[in-house]
Amino acid sequence: MPFAETLKKEVREKSNFRCCICEQIQIDIEVHHIVPESDYGPDTFDNAAPLCPNCHSNLGNDPLKRNRIKEKRDLWYNRCDVPNRTIDMLTQIEKILTDIRGSEIKEEGKE
């Protein structure tokens, strides 16, 4: 059974529409079964990798590359997640600064 469209969308978005191997932006990112359906690979997020058509055809059918594809995918997902972590950090810094400013205003009011 092929991946559900919602799962494909999640994989494409998580990868920023880039291939996890060559890292090229692709409109037509393919969602590859790391362990193929023919080998009873599940249709799950953990078994999915975003590949461009070129990398998919070059690497997709090589059972010796499965672990490498998964490693590269995980590394790529971590790199793609950096902007989200940066945004979270900036939000936290902004909150701290707001709290500090609020404390300073209260201190000024006491004088």
PDB file of N, CA and C in Angstrom:
ATOM      1  N   MET A   1       0.840  -1.175   0.000  1.00  0.00           N
ATOM      2  CA  MET A   1       0.000   0.000   0.000  1.00  0.00           C
ATOM      3  C   MET A   1       0.892   1.249   0.000  1.00  0.00           C
ATOM      4  N   PRO A   2       0.625   2.218  -0.819  1.00  0.00           N
ATOM      5  CA  PRO A   2       1.459   3.421  -0.856  1.00  0.00           C
ATOM      6  C   PRO A   2       1.221   4.307   0.375  1.00  0.00           C
ATOM      7  N   PHE A   3       2.141   5.250   0.589  1.00  0.00           N
ATOM      8  CA  PHE A   3       1.997   6.200   1.685  1.00  0.00           C
ATOM      9  C   PHE A   3       0.724   7.015   1.505  1.00  0.00           C
ATOM     10  N   ALA A   4       0.085   7.360   2.611  1.00  0.00           N
ATOM     11  CA  ALA A   4      -1.076   8.242   2.580  1.00  0.00           C
ATOM     12  C   ALA A   4      -0.620   9.635   2.150  1.00  0.00           C
ATOM     13  N   GLU A   5      -1.483  10.352   1.481  1.00  0.00           N
ATOM     14  CA  GLU A   5      -1.138  11.702   1.016  1.00  0.00           C
ATOM     15  C   GLU A   5      -0.767  12.620   2.179  1.00  0.00           C
ATOM     16  N   THR A   6      -1.433  12.466   3.319  1.00  0.00           N
ATOM     17  CA  THR A   6      -1.106  13.304   4.476  1.00  0.00           C
ATOM     18  C   THR A   6       0.311  13.029   4.975  1.00  0.00           C
ATOM     19  N   LEU A   7       0.741  11.777   4.936  1.00  0.00           N
ATOM     20  CA  LEU A   7       2.091  11.431   5.351  1.00  0.00           C
ATOM     21  C   LEU A   7       3.112  11.977   4.351  1.00  0.00           C
ATOM     22  N   LYS A   8       2.807  11.865   3.075  1.00  0.00           N
ATOM     23  CA  LYS A   8       3.714  12.420   2.056  1.00  0.00           C
ATOM     24  C   LYS A   8       3.886  13.919   2.256  1.00  0.00           C
ATOM     25  N   LYS A   9       2.792  14.595   2.542  1.00  0.00           N
ATOM     26  CA  LYS A   9       2.839  16.044   2.770  1.00  0.00           C
ATOM     27  C   LYS A   9       3.709  16.353   3.988  1.00  0.00           C
ATOM     28  N   GLU A  10       3.541  15.583   5.050  1.00  0.00           N
ATOM     29  CA  GLU A  10       4.329  15.778   6.266  1.00  0.00           C
ATOM     30  C   GLU A  10       5.820  15.597   5.980  1.00  0.00           C
ATOM     31  N   VAL A  11       6.177  14.561   5.224  1.00  0.00           N
ATOM     32  CA  VAL A  11       7.580  14.302   4.885  1.00  0.00           C
ATOM     33  C   VAL A  11       8.137  15.438   4.031  1.00  0.00           C
ATOM     34  N   ARG A  12       7.387  15.864   3.022  1.00  0.00           N
ATOM     35  CA  ARG A  12       7.862  16.956   2.158  1.00  0.00           C
ATOM     36  C   ARG A  12       8.061  18.245   2.953  1.00  0.00           C
ATOM     37  N   GLU A  13       7.126  18.552   3.842  1.00  0.00           N
ATOM     38  CA  GLU A  13       7.242  19.768   4.636  1.00  0.00           C
ATOM     39  C   GLU A  13       8.390  19.671   5.642  1.00  0.00           C
ATOM     40  N   LYS A  14       8.535  18.516   6.286  1.00  0.00           N
ATOM     41  CA  LYS A  14       9.606  18.323   7.271  1.00  0.00           C
ATOM     42  C   LYS A  14      10.986  18.496   6.615  1.00  0.00           C
ATOM     43  N   SER A  15      11.079  18.122   5.338  1.00  0.00           N
ATOM     44  CA  SER A  15      12.355  18.211   4.618  1.00  0.00           C
ATOM     45  C   SER A  15      12.536  19.549   3.900  1.00  0.00           C
ATOM     46  N   ASN A  16      11.598  20.463   4.085  1.00  0.00           N
ATOM     47  CA  ASN A  16      11.630  21.759   3.384  1.00  0.00           C
ATOM     48  C   ASN A  16      11.672  21.574   1.864  1.00  0.00           C
ATOM     49  N   PHE A  17      10.989  20.533   1.399  1.00  0.00           N
ATOM     50  CA  PHE A  17      10.903  20.212  -0.027  1.00  0.00           C
ATOM     51  C   PHE A  17      12.277  20.010  -0.657  1.00  0.00           C
ATOM     52  N   ARG A  18      13.172  19.396   0.109  1.00  0.00           N
ATOM     53  CA  ARG A  18      14.516  19.091  -0.380  1.00  0.00           C
ATOM     54  C   ARG A  18      14.788  17.603  -0.255  1.00  0.00           C
ATOM     55  N   CYS A  19      15.604  17.120  -1.129  1.00  0.00           N
ATOM     56  CA  CYS A  19      16.053  15.732  -1.081  1.00  0.00           C
ATOM     57  C   CYS A  19      17.011  15.579   0.093  1.00  0.00           C
ATOM     58  N   CYS A  20      16.852  14.536   0.872  1.00  0.00           N
ATOM     59  CA  CYS A  20      17.726  14.356   2.042  1.00  0.00           C
ATOM     60  C   CYS A  20      19.127  13.884   1.642  1.00  0.00           C
ATOM     61  N   ILE A  21      19.316  13.462   0.412  1.00  0.00           N
ATOM     62  CA  ILE A  21      20.633  13.010  -0.045  1.00  0.00           C
ATOM     63  C   ILE A  21      21.418  14.156  -0.685  1.00  0.00           C
ATOM     64  N   CYS A  22      20.883  14.733  -1.755  1.00  0.00           N
ATOM     65  CA  CYS A  22      21.610  15.799  -2.468  1.00  0.00           C
ATOM     66  C   CYS A  22      21.231  17.193  -1.979  1.00  0.00           C
ATOM     67  N   GLU A  23      20.171  17.288  -1.185  1.00  0.00           N
ATOM     68  CA  GLU A  23      19.709  18.520  -0.554  1.00  0.00           C
ATOM     69  C   GLU A  23      19.207  19.574  -1.543  1.00  0.00           C
ATOM     70  N   GLN A  24      18.902  19.146  -2.743  1.00  0.00           N
ATOM     71  CA  GLN A  24      18.372  20.065  -3.740  1.00  0.00           C
ATOM     72  C   GLN A  24      16.876  20.276  -3.524  1.00  0.00           C
ATOM     73  N   ILE A  25      16.444  21.519  -3.703  1.00  0.00           N
ATOM     74  CA  ILE A  25      15.009  21.818  -3.638  1.00  0.00           C
ATOM     75  C   ILE A  25      14.352  21.199  -4.858  1.00  0.00           C
ATOM     76  N   GLN A  26      13.266  20.512  -4.633  1.00  0.00           N
ATOM     77  CA  GLN A  26      12.551  19.849  -5.719  1.00  0.00           C
ATOM     78  C   GLN A  26      11.049  20.036  -5.537  1.00  0.00           C
ATOM     79  N   ILE A  27      10.387  20.449  -6.575  1.00  0.00           N
ATOM     80  CA  ILE A  27       8.930  20.532  -6.533  1.00  0.00           C
ATOM     81  C   ILE A  27       8.354  19.123  -6.396  1.00  0.00           C
ATOM     82  N   ASP A  28       8.986  18.177  -7.062  1.00  0.00           N
ATOM     83  CA  ASP A  28       8.444  16.817  -7.099  1.00  0.00           C
ATOM     84  C   ASP A  28       9.233  15.853  -6.205  1.00  0.00           C
ATOM     85  N   ILE A  29       9.444  16.265  -4.930  1.00  0.00           N
ATOM     86  CA  ILE A  29      10.099  15.365  -3.980  1.00  0.00           C
ATOM     87  C   ILE A  29       9.280  14.082  -3.875  1.00  0.00           C
ATOM     88  N   GLU A  30       9.954  12.962  -3.990  1.00  0.00           N
ATOM     89  CA  GLU A  30       9.293  11.664  -3.874  1.00  0.00           C
ATOM     90  C   GLU A  30       9.497  11.136  -2.463  1.00  0.00           C
ATOM     91  N   VAL A  31       8.501  10.465  -1.948  1.00  0.00           N
ATOM     92  CA  VAL A  31       8.605   9.877  -0.622  1.00  0.00           C
ATOM     93  C   VAL A  31       8.904   8.396  -0.809  1.00  0.00           C
ATOM     94  N   HIS A  32      10.098   8.032  -0.396  1.00  0.00           N
ATOM     95  CA  HIS A  32      10.659   6.705  -0.635  1.00  0.00           C
ATOM     96  C   HIS A  32      10.462   5.803   0.581  1.00  0.00           C
ATOM     97  N   HIS A  33      10.078   4.553   0.342  1.00  0.00           N
ATOM     98  CA  HIS A  33      10.059   3.537   1.400  1.00  0.00           C
ATOM     99  C   HIS A  33      11.501   3.096   1.641  1.00  0.00           C
ATOM    100  N   ILE A  34      12.019   3.328   2.831  1.00  0.00           N
ATOM    101  CA  ILE A  34      13.383   2.893   3.144  1.00  0.00           C
ATOM    102  C   ILE A  34      13.449   1.369   3.101  1.00  0.00           C
ATOM    103  N   VAL A  35      12.546   0.735   3.821  1.00  0.00           N
ATOM    104  CA  VAL A  35      12.367  -0.715   3.680  1.00  0.00           C
ATOM    105  C   VAL A  35      11.177  -0.875   2.747  1.00  0.00           C
ATOM    106  N   PRO A  36      11.392  -1.428   1.556  1.00  0.00           N
ATOM    107  CA  PRO A  36      10.328  -1.488   0.555  1.00  0.00           C
ATOM    108  C   PRO A  36       9.090  -2.264   1.009  1.00  0.00           C
ATOM    109  N   GLU A  37       7.999  -1.911   0.393  1.00  0.00           N
ATOM    110  CA  GLU A  37       6.744  -2.632   0.662  1.00  0.00           C
ATOM    111  C   GLU A  37       6.911  -4.122   0.394  1.00  0.00           C
ATOM    112  N   SER A  38       7.683  -4.464  -0.631  1.00  0.00           N
ATOM    113  CA  SER A  38       7.891  -5.876  -0.981  1.00  0.00           C
ATOM    114  C   SER A  38       8.624  -6.647   0.125  1.00  0.00           C
ATOM    115  N   ASP A  39       9.349  -5.911   0.982  1.00  0.00           N
ATOM    116  CA  ASP A  39      10.018  -6.518   2.137  1.00  0.00           C
ATOM    117  C   ASP A  39       9.241  -6.232   3.421  1.00  0.00           C
ATOM    118  N   TYR A  40       7.974  -5.940   3.258  1.00  0.00           N
ATOM    119  CA  TYR A  40       7.053  -5.672   4.369  1.00  0.00           C
ATOM    120  C   TYR A  40       7.392  -4.396   5.132  1.00  0.00           C
ATOM    121  N   GLY A  41       7.951  -3.434   4.413  1.00  0.00           N
ATOM    122  CA  GLY A  41       8.200  -2.131   5.026  1.00  0.00           C
ATOM    123  C   GLY A  41       6.892  -1.404   5.264  1.00  0.00           C
ATOM    124  N   PRO A  42       6.732  -0.827   6.449  1.00  0.00           N
ATOM    125  CA  PRO A  42       5.470  -0.160   6.774  1.00  0.00           C
ATOM    126  C   PRO A  42       5.324   1.195   6.076  1.00  0.00           C
ATOM    127  N   ASP A  43       4.091   1.639   5.981  1.00  0.00           N
ATOM    128  CA  ASP A  43       3.783   2.952   5.404  1.00  0.00           C
ATOM    129  C   ASP A  43       3.746   3.975   6.532  1.00  0.00           C
ATOM    130  N   THR A  44       4.910   4.152   7.182  1.00  0.00           N
ATOM    131  CA  THR A  44       4.996   5.031   8.342  1.00  0.00           C
ATOM    132  C   THR A  44       6.006   6.146   8.098  1.00  0.00           C
ATOM    133  N   PHE A  45       5.916   7.179   8.920  1.00  0.00           N
ATOM    134  CA  PHE A  45       6.844   8.303   8.818  1.00  0.00           C
ATOM    135  C   PHE A  45       8.288   7.831   9.007  1.00  0.00           C
ATOM    136  N   ASP A  46       8.510   6.915   9.932  1.00  0.00           N
ATOM    137  CA  ASP A  46       9.860   6.426  10.206  1.00  0.00           C
ATOM    138  C   ASP A  46      10.456   5.647   9.037  1.00  0.00           C
ATOM    139  N   ASN A  47       9.612   5.117   8.177  1.00  0.00           N
ATOM    140  CA  ASN A  47      10.088   4.348   7.022  1.00  0.00           C
ATOM    141  C   ASN A  47      10.096   5.186   5.744  1.00  0.00           C
ATOM    142  N   ALA A  48       9.897   6.474   5.879  1.00  0.00           N
ATOM    143  CA  ALA A  48       9.810   7.350   4.705  1.00  0.00           C
ATOM    144  C   ALA A  48      11.030   8.257   4.616  1.00  0.00           C
ATOM    145  N   ALA A  49      11.488   8.502   3.391  1.00  0.00           N
ATOM    146  CA  ALA A  49      12.602   9.418   3.163  1.00  0.00           C
ATOM    147  C   ALA A  49      12.288  10.284   1.952  1.00  0.00           C
ATOM    148  N   PRO A  50      12.535  11.601   2.055  1.00  0.00           N
ATOM    149  CA  PRO A  50      12.316  12.492   0.918  1.00  0.00           C
ATOM    150  C   PRO A  50      13.497  12.423  -0.044  1.00  0.00           C
ATOM    151  N   LEU A  51      13.229  11.980  -1.270  1.00  0.00           N
ATOM    152  CA  LEU A  51      14.286  11.873  -2.275  1.00  0.00           C
ATOM    153  C   LEU A  51      13.848  12.565  -3.557  1.00  0.00           C
ATOM    154  N   CYS A  52      14.798  13.184  -4.233  1.00  0.00           N
ATOM    155  CA  CYS A  52      14.506  13.717  -5.562  1.00  0.00           C
ATOM    156  C   CYS A  52      14.423  12.523  -6.517  1.00  0.00           C
ATOM    157  N   PRO A  53      13.818  12.707  -7.678  1.00  0.00           N
ATOM    158  CA  PRO A  53      13.706  11.580  -8.613  1.00  0.00           C
ATOM    159  C   PRO A  53      15.056  10.950  -8.968  1.00  0.00           C
ATOM    160  N   ASN A  54      16.092  11.766  -9.085  1.00  0.00           N
ATOM    161  CA  ASN A  54      17.408  11.258  -9.450  1.00  0.00           C
ATOM    162  C   ASN A  54      17.996  10.371  -8.351  1.00  0.00           C
ATOM    163  N   CYS A  55      17.991  10.858  -7.104  1.00  0.00           N
ATOM    164  CA  CYS A  55      18.513  10.053  -5.991  1.00  0.00           C
ATOM    165  C   CYS A  55      17.641   8.826  -5.756  1.00  0.00           C
ATOM    166  N   HIS A  56      16.343   8.975  -5.977  1.00  0.00           N
ATOM    167  CA  HIS A  56      15.439   7.843  -5.793  1.00  0.00           C
ATOM    168  C   HIS A  56      15.796   6.720  -6.765  1.00  0.00           C
ATOM    169  N   SER A  57      16.041   7.087  -8.005  1.00  0.00           N
ATOM    170  CA  SER A  57      16.364   6.040  -8.984  1.00  0.00           C
ATOM    171  C   SER A  57      17.770   5.479  -8.770  1.00  0.00           C
ATOM    172  N   ASN A  58      18.695   6.295  -8.270  1.00  0.00           N
ATOM    173  CA  ASN A  58      20.072   5.834  -8.054  1.00  0.00           C
ATOM    174  C   ASN A  58      20.245   5.013  -6.775  1.00  0.00           C
ATOM    175  N   LEU A  59      19.486   5.335  -5.731  1.00  0.00           N
ATOM    176  CA  LEU A  59      19.711   4.705  -4.431  1.00  0.00           C
ATOM    177  C   LEU A  59      18.551   3.859  -3.928  1.00  0.00           C
ATOM    178  N   GLY A  60      17.378   4.139  -4.431  1.00  0.00           N
ATOM    179  CA  GLY A  60      16.164   3.582  -3.862  1.00  0.00           C
ATOM    180  C   GLY A  60      16.068   2.076  -3.822  1.00  0.00           C
ATOM    181  N   ASN A  61      16.678   1.392  -4.759  1.00  0.00           N
ATOM    182  CA  ASN A  61      16.535  -0.065  -4.804  1.00  0.00           C
ATOM    183  C   ASN A  61      17.740  -0.817  -4.253  1.00  0.00           C
ATOM    184  N   ASP A  62      18.633  -0.115  -3.577  1.00  0.00           N
ATOM    185  CA  ASP A  62      19.845  -0.749  -3.059  1.00  0.00           C
ATOM    186  C   ASP A  62      19.677  -1.066  -1.568  1.00  0.00           C
ATOM    187  N   PRO A  63      19.468  -2.340  -1.214  1.00  0.00           N
ATOM    188  CA  PRO A  63      19.255  -2.692   0.194  1.00  0.00           C
ATOM    189  C   PRO A  63      20.450  -2.346   1.087  1.00  0.00           C
ATOM    190  N   LEU A  64      21.629  -2.250   0.495  1.00  0.00           N
ATOM    191  CA  LEU A  64      22.811  -1.904   1.281  1.00  0.00           C
ATOM    192  C   LEU A  64      22.821  -0.430   1.683  1.00  0.00           C
ATOM    193  N   LYS A  65      22.014   0.377   1.029  1.00  0.00           N
ATOM    194  CA  LYS A  65      21.976   1.818   1.300  1.00  0.00           C
ATOM    195  C   LYS A  65      20.877   2.211   2.288  1.00  0.00           C
ATOM    196  N   ARG A  66      20.060   1.284   2.733  1.00  0.00           N
ATOM    197  CA  ARG A  66      18.911   1.620   3.584  1.00  0.00           C
ATOM    198  C   ARG A  66      19.314   2.375   4.845  1.00  0.00           C
ATOM    199  N   ASN A  67      20.312   1.867   5.557  1.00  0.00           N
ATOM    200  CA  ASN A  67      20.734   2.541   6.788  1.00  0.00           C
ATOM    201  C   ASN A  67      21.317   3.917   6.502  1.00  0.00           C
ATOM    202  N   ARG A  68      22.048   4.034   5.415  1.00  0.00           N
ATOM    203  CA  ARG A  68      22.634   5.327   5.046  1.00  0.00           C
ATOM    204  C   ARG A  68      21.544   6.342   4.699  1.00  0.00           C
ATOM    205  N   ILE A  69      20.523   5.893   3.970  1.00  0.00           N
ATOM    206  CA  ILE A  69      19.417   6.788   3.629  1.00  0.00           C
ATOM    207  C   ILE A  69      18.735   7.263   4.908  1.00  0.00           C
ATOM    208  N   LYS A  70      18.512   6.348   5.830  1.00  0.00           N
ATOM    209  CA  LYS A  70      17.854   6.715   7.088  1.00  0.00           C
ATOM    210  C   LYS A  70      18.721   7.686   7.899  1.00  0.00           C
ATOM    211  N   GLU A  71      20.027   7.416   7.979  1.00  0.00           N
ATOM    212  CA  GLU A  71      20.942   8.312   8.697  1.00  0.00           C
ATOM    213  C   GLU A  71      20.941   9.704   8.076  1.00  0.00           C
ATOM    214  N   LYS A  72      21.031   9.741   6.753  1.00  0.00           N
ATOM    215  CA  LYS A  72      21.068  11.026   6.054  1.00  0.00           C
ATOM    216  C   LYS A  72      19.744  11.760   6.229  1.00  0.00           C
ATOM    217  N   ARG A  73      18.637  11.009   6.183  1.00  0.00           N
ATOM    218  CA  ARG A  73      17.317  11.617   6.379  1.00  0.00           C
ATOM    219  C   ARG A  73      17.214  12.246   7.767  1.00  0.00           C
ATOM    220  N   ASP A  74      17.645  11.505   8.797  1.00  0.00           N
ATOM    221  CA  ASP A  74      17.568  12.016  10.157  1.00  0.00           C
ATOM    222  C   ASP A  74      18.434  13.261  10.338  1.00  0.00           C
ATOM    223  N   LEU A  75      19.627  13.233   9.772  1.00  0.00           N
ATOM    224  CA  LEU A  75      20.512  14.392   9.820  1.00  0.00           C
ATOM    225  C   LEU A  75      19.860  15.584   9.109  1.00  0.00           C
ATOM    226  N   TRP A  76      19.272  15.317   7.954  1.00  0.00           N
ATOM    227  CA  TRP A  76      18.640  16.386   7.187  1.00  0.00           C
ATOM    228  C   TRP A  76      17.448  16.977   7.950  1.00  0.00           C
ATOM    229  N   TYR A  77      16.624  16.132   8.556  1.00  0.00           N
ATOM    230  CA  TYR A  77      15.496  16.624   9.348  1.00  0.00           C
ATOM    231  C   TYR A  77      15.981  17.520  10.486  1.00  0.00           C
ATOM    232  N   ASN A  78      17.082  17.124  11.142  1.00  0.00           N
ATOM    233  CA  ASN A  78      17.633  17.959  12.220  1.00  0.00           C
ATOM    234  C   ASN A  78      18.092  19.307  11.684  1.00  0.00           C
ATOM    235  N   ARG A  79      18.728  19.311  10.537  1.00  0.00           N
ATOM    236  CA  ARG A  79      19.180  20.575   9.937  1.00  0.00           C
ATOM    237  C   ARG A  79      17.998  21.436   9.526  1.00  0.00           C
ATOM    238  N   CYS A  80      16.958  20.804   9.025  1.00  0.00           N
ATOM    239  CA  CYS A  80      15.762  21.556   8.620  1.00  0.00           C
ATOM    240  C   CYS A  80      15.038  22.148   9.819  1.00  0.00           C
ATOM    241  N   ASP A  81      15.184  21.527  10.968  1.00  0.00           N
ATOM    242  CA  ASP A  81      14.472  21.960  12.166  1.00  0.00           C
ATOM    243  C   ASP A  81      15.157  23.138  12.862  1.00  0.00           C
ATOM    244  N   VAL A  82      16.382  23.473  12.485  1.00  0.00           N
ATOM    245  CA  VAL A  82      17.118  24.562  13.133  1.00  0.00           C
ATOM    246  C   VAL A  82      16.347  25.878  13.102  1.00  0.00           C
ATOM    247  N   PRO A  83      15.764  26.298  11.981  1.00  0.00           N
ATOM    248  CA  PRO A  83      15.004  27.564  12.011  1.00  0.00           C
ATOM    249  C   PRO A  83      13.878  27.539  13.047  1.00  0.00           C
ATOM    250  N   ASN A  84      13.201  26.413  13.200  1.00  0.00           N
ATOM    251  CA  ASN A  84      12.131  26.328  14.191  1.00  0.00           C
ATOM    252  C   ASN A  84      12.690  26.454  15.601  1.00  0.00           C
ATOM    253  N   ARG A  85      13.833  25.833  15.859  1.00  0.00           N
ATOM    254  CA  ARG A  85      14.448  25.960  17.183  1.00  0.00           C
ATOM    255  C   ARG A  85      14.907  27.391  17.417  1.00  0.00           C
ATOM    256  N   THR A  86      15.403  28.045  16.368  1.00  0.00           N
ATOM    257  CA  THR A  86      15.834  29.438  16.492  1.00  0.00           C
ATOM    258  C   THR A  86      14.651  30.333  16.812  1.00  0.00           C
ATOM    259  N   ILE A  87      13.538  30.122  16.148  1.00  0.00           N
ATOM    260  CA  ILE A  87      12.332  30.895  16.418  1.00  0.00           C
ATOM    261  C   ILE A  87      11.886  30.677  17.857  1.00  0.00           C
ATOM    262  N   ASP A  88      11.917  29.426  18.328  1.00  0.00           N
ATOM    263  CA  ASP A  88      11.546  29.134  19.713  1.00  0.00           C
ATOM    264  C   ASP A  88      12.475  29.869  20.686  1.00  0.00           C
ATOM    265  N   MET A  89      13.780  29.878  20.408  1.00  0.00           N
ATOM    266  CA  MET A  89      14.731  30.568  21.276  1.00  0.00           C
ATOM    267  C   MET A  89      14.469  32.064  21.285  1.00  0.00           C
ATOM    268  N   LEU A  90      14.208  32.639  20.119  1.00  0.00           N
ATOM    269  CA  LEU A  90      13.938  34.077  20.042  1.00  0.00           C
ATOM    270  C   LEU A  90      12.667  34.434  20.809  1.00  0.00           C
ATOM    271  N   THR A  91      11.670  33.582  20.737  1.00  0.00           N
ATOM    272  CA  THR A  91      10.434  33.800  21.489  1.00  0.00           C
ATOM    273  C   THR A  91      10.719  33.781  22.980  1.00  0.00           C
ATOM    274  N   GLN A  92      11.543  32.836  23.421  1.00  0.00           N
ATOM    275  CA  GLN A  92      11.894  32.766  24.841  1.00  0.00           C
ATOM    276  C   GLN A  92      12.689  33.995  25.282  1.00  0.00           C
ATOM    277  N   ILE A  93      13.624  34.440  24.450  1.00  0.00           N
ATOM    278  CA  ILE A  93      14.420  35.631  24.765  1.00  0.00           C
ATOM    279  C   ILE A  93      13.514  36.856  24.864  1.00  0.00           C
ATOM    280  N   GLU A  94      12.585  36.968  23.918  1.00  0.00           N
ATOM    281  CA  GLU A  94      11.644  38.088  23.939  1.00  0.00           C
ATOM    282  C   GLU A  94      10.825  38.096  25.230  1.00  0.00           C
ATOM    283  N   LYS A  95      10.382  36.931  25.674  1.00  0.00           N
ATOM    284  CA  LYS A  95       9.612  36.830  26.918  1.00  0.00           C
ATOM    285  C   LYS A  95      10.465  37.251  28.109  1.00  0.00           C
ATOM    286  N   ILE A  96      11.710  36.806  28.153  1.00  0.00           N
ATOM    287  CA  ILE A  96      12.609  37.180  29.247  1.00  0.00           C
ATOM    288  C   ILE A  96      12.817  38.690  29.269  1.00  0.00           C
ATOM    289  N   LEU A  97      13.049  39.280  28.098  1.00  0.00           N
ATOM    290  CA  LEU A  97      13.242  40.729  28.023  1.00  0.00           C
ATOM    291  C   LEU A  97      11.992  41.476  28.474  1.00  0.00           C
ATOM    292  N   THR A  98      10.824  40.975  28.105  1.00  0.00           N
ATOM    293  CA  THR A  98       9.566  41.591  28.536  1.00  0.00           C
ATOM    294  C   THR A  98       9.435  41.517  30.046  1.00  0.00           C
ATOM    295  N   ASP A  99       9.779  40.366  30.612  1.00  0.00           N
ATOM    296  CA  ASP A  99       9.730  40.207  32.069  1.00  0.00           C
ATOM    297  C   ASP A  99      10.703  41.162  32.753  1.00  0.00           C
ATOM    298  N   ILE A 100      11.903  41.303  32.205  1.00  0.00           N
ATOM    299  CA  ILE A 100      12.908  42.208  32.780  1.00  0.00           C
ATOM    300  C   ILE A 100      12.398  43.641  32.717  1.00  0.00           C
ATOM    301  N   ARG A 101      11.872  44.044  31.566  1.00  0.00           N
ATOM    302  CA  ARG A 101      11.356  45.413  31.421  1.00  0.00           C
ATOM    303  C   ARG A 101      10.216  45.672  32.406  1.00  0.00           C
ATOM    304  N   GLY A 102       9.351  44.661  32.563  1.00  0.00           N
ATOM    305  CA  GLY A 102       8.246  44.792  33.517  1.00  0.00           C
ATOM    306  C   GLY A 102       8.759  44.965  34.936  1.00  0.00           C
ATOM    307  N   SER A 103       9.799  44.246  35.298  1.00  0.00           N
ATOM    308  CA  SER A 103      10.398  44.365  36.626  1.00  0.00           C
ATOM    309  C   SER A 103      11.013  45.733  36.814  1.00  0.00           C
ATOM    310  N   GLU A 104      11.685  46.253  35.788  1.00  0.00           N
ATOM    311  CA  GLU A 104      12.300  47.577  35.869  1.00  0.00           C
ATOM    312  C   GLU A 104      11.247  48.663  36.057  1.00  0.00           C
ATOM    313  N   ILE A 105      10.130  48.534  35.369  1.00  0.00           N
ATOM    314  CA  ILE A 105       9.054  49.526  35.495  1.00  0.00           C
ATOM    315  C   ILE A 105       8.483  49.491  36.912  1.00  0.00           C
ATOM    316  N   LYS A 106       8.303  48.302  37.470  1.00  0.00           N
ATOM    317  CA  LYS A 106       7.788  48.176  38.847  1.00  0.00           C
ATOM    318  C   LYS A 106       8.772  48.803  39.829  1.00  0.00           C
ATOM    319  N   GLU A 107      10.070  48.572  39.631  1.00  0.00           N
ATOM    320  CA  GLU A 107      11.095  49.145  40.515  1.00  0.00           C
ATOM    321  C   GLU A 107      11.084  50.660  40.444  1.00  0.00           C
ATOM    322  N   GLU A 108      10.914  51.224  39.252  1.00  0.00           N
ATOM    323  CA  GLU A 108      10.888  52.669  39.086  1.00  0.00           C
ATOM    324  C   GLU A 108       9.683  53.253  39.813  1.00  0.00           C
ATOM    325  N   GLY A 109       8.569  52.546  39.818  1.00  0.00           N
ATOM    326  CA  GLY A 109       7.351  53.015  40.478  1.00  0.00           C
ATOM    327  C   GLY A 109       7.459  53.042  41.979  1.00  0.00           C
ATOM    328  N   LYS A 110       8.365  52.291  42.564  1.00  0.00           N
ATOM    329  CA  LYS A 110       8.550  52.239  44.003  1.00  0.00           C
ATOM    330  C   LYS A 110       9.324  53.443  44.514  1.00  0.00           C
ATOM    331  N   GLU A 111      10.110  54.034  43.667  1.00  0.00           N
ATOM    332  CA  GLU A 111      10.974  55.143  44.107  1.00  0.00           C
ATOM    333  C   GLU A 111      10.209  56.414  44.291  1.00  0.00           C
TER     334      GLU A 111
END
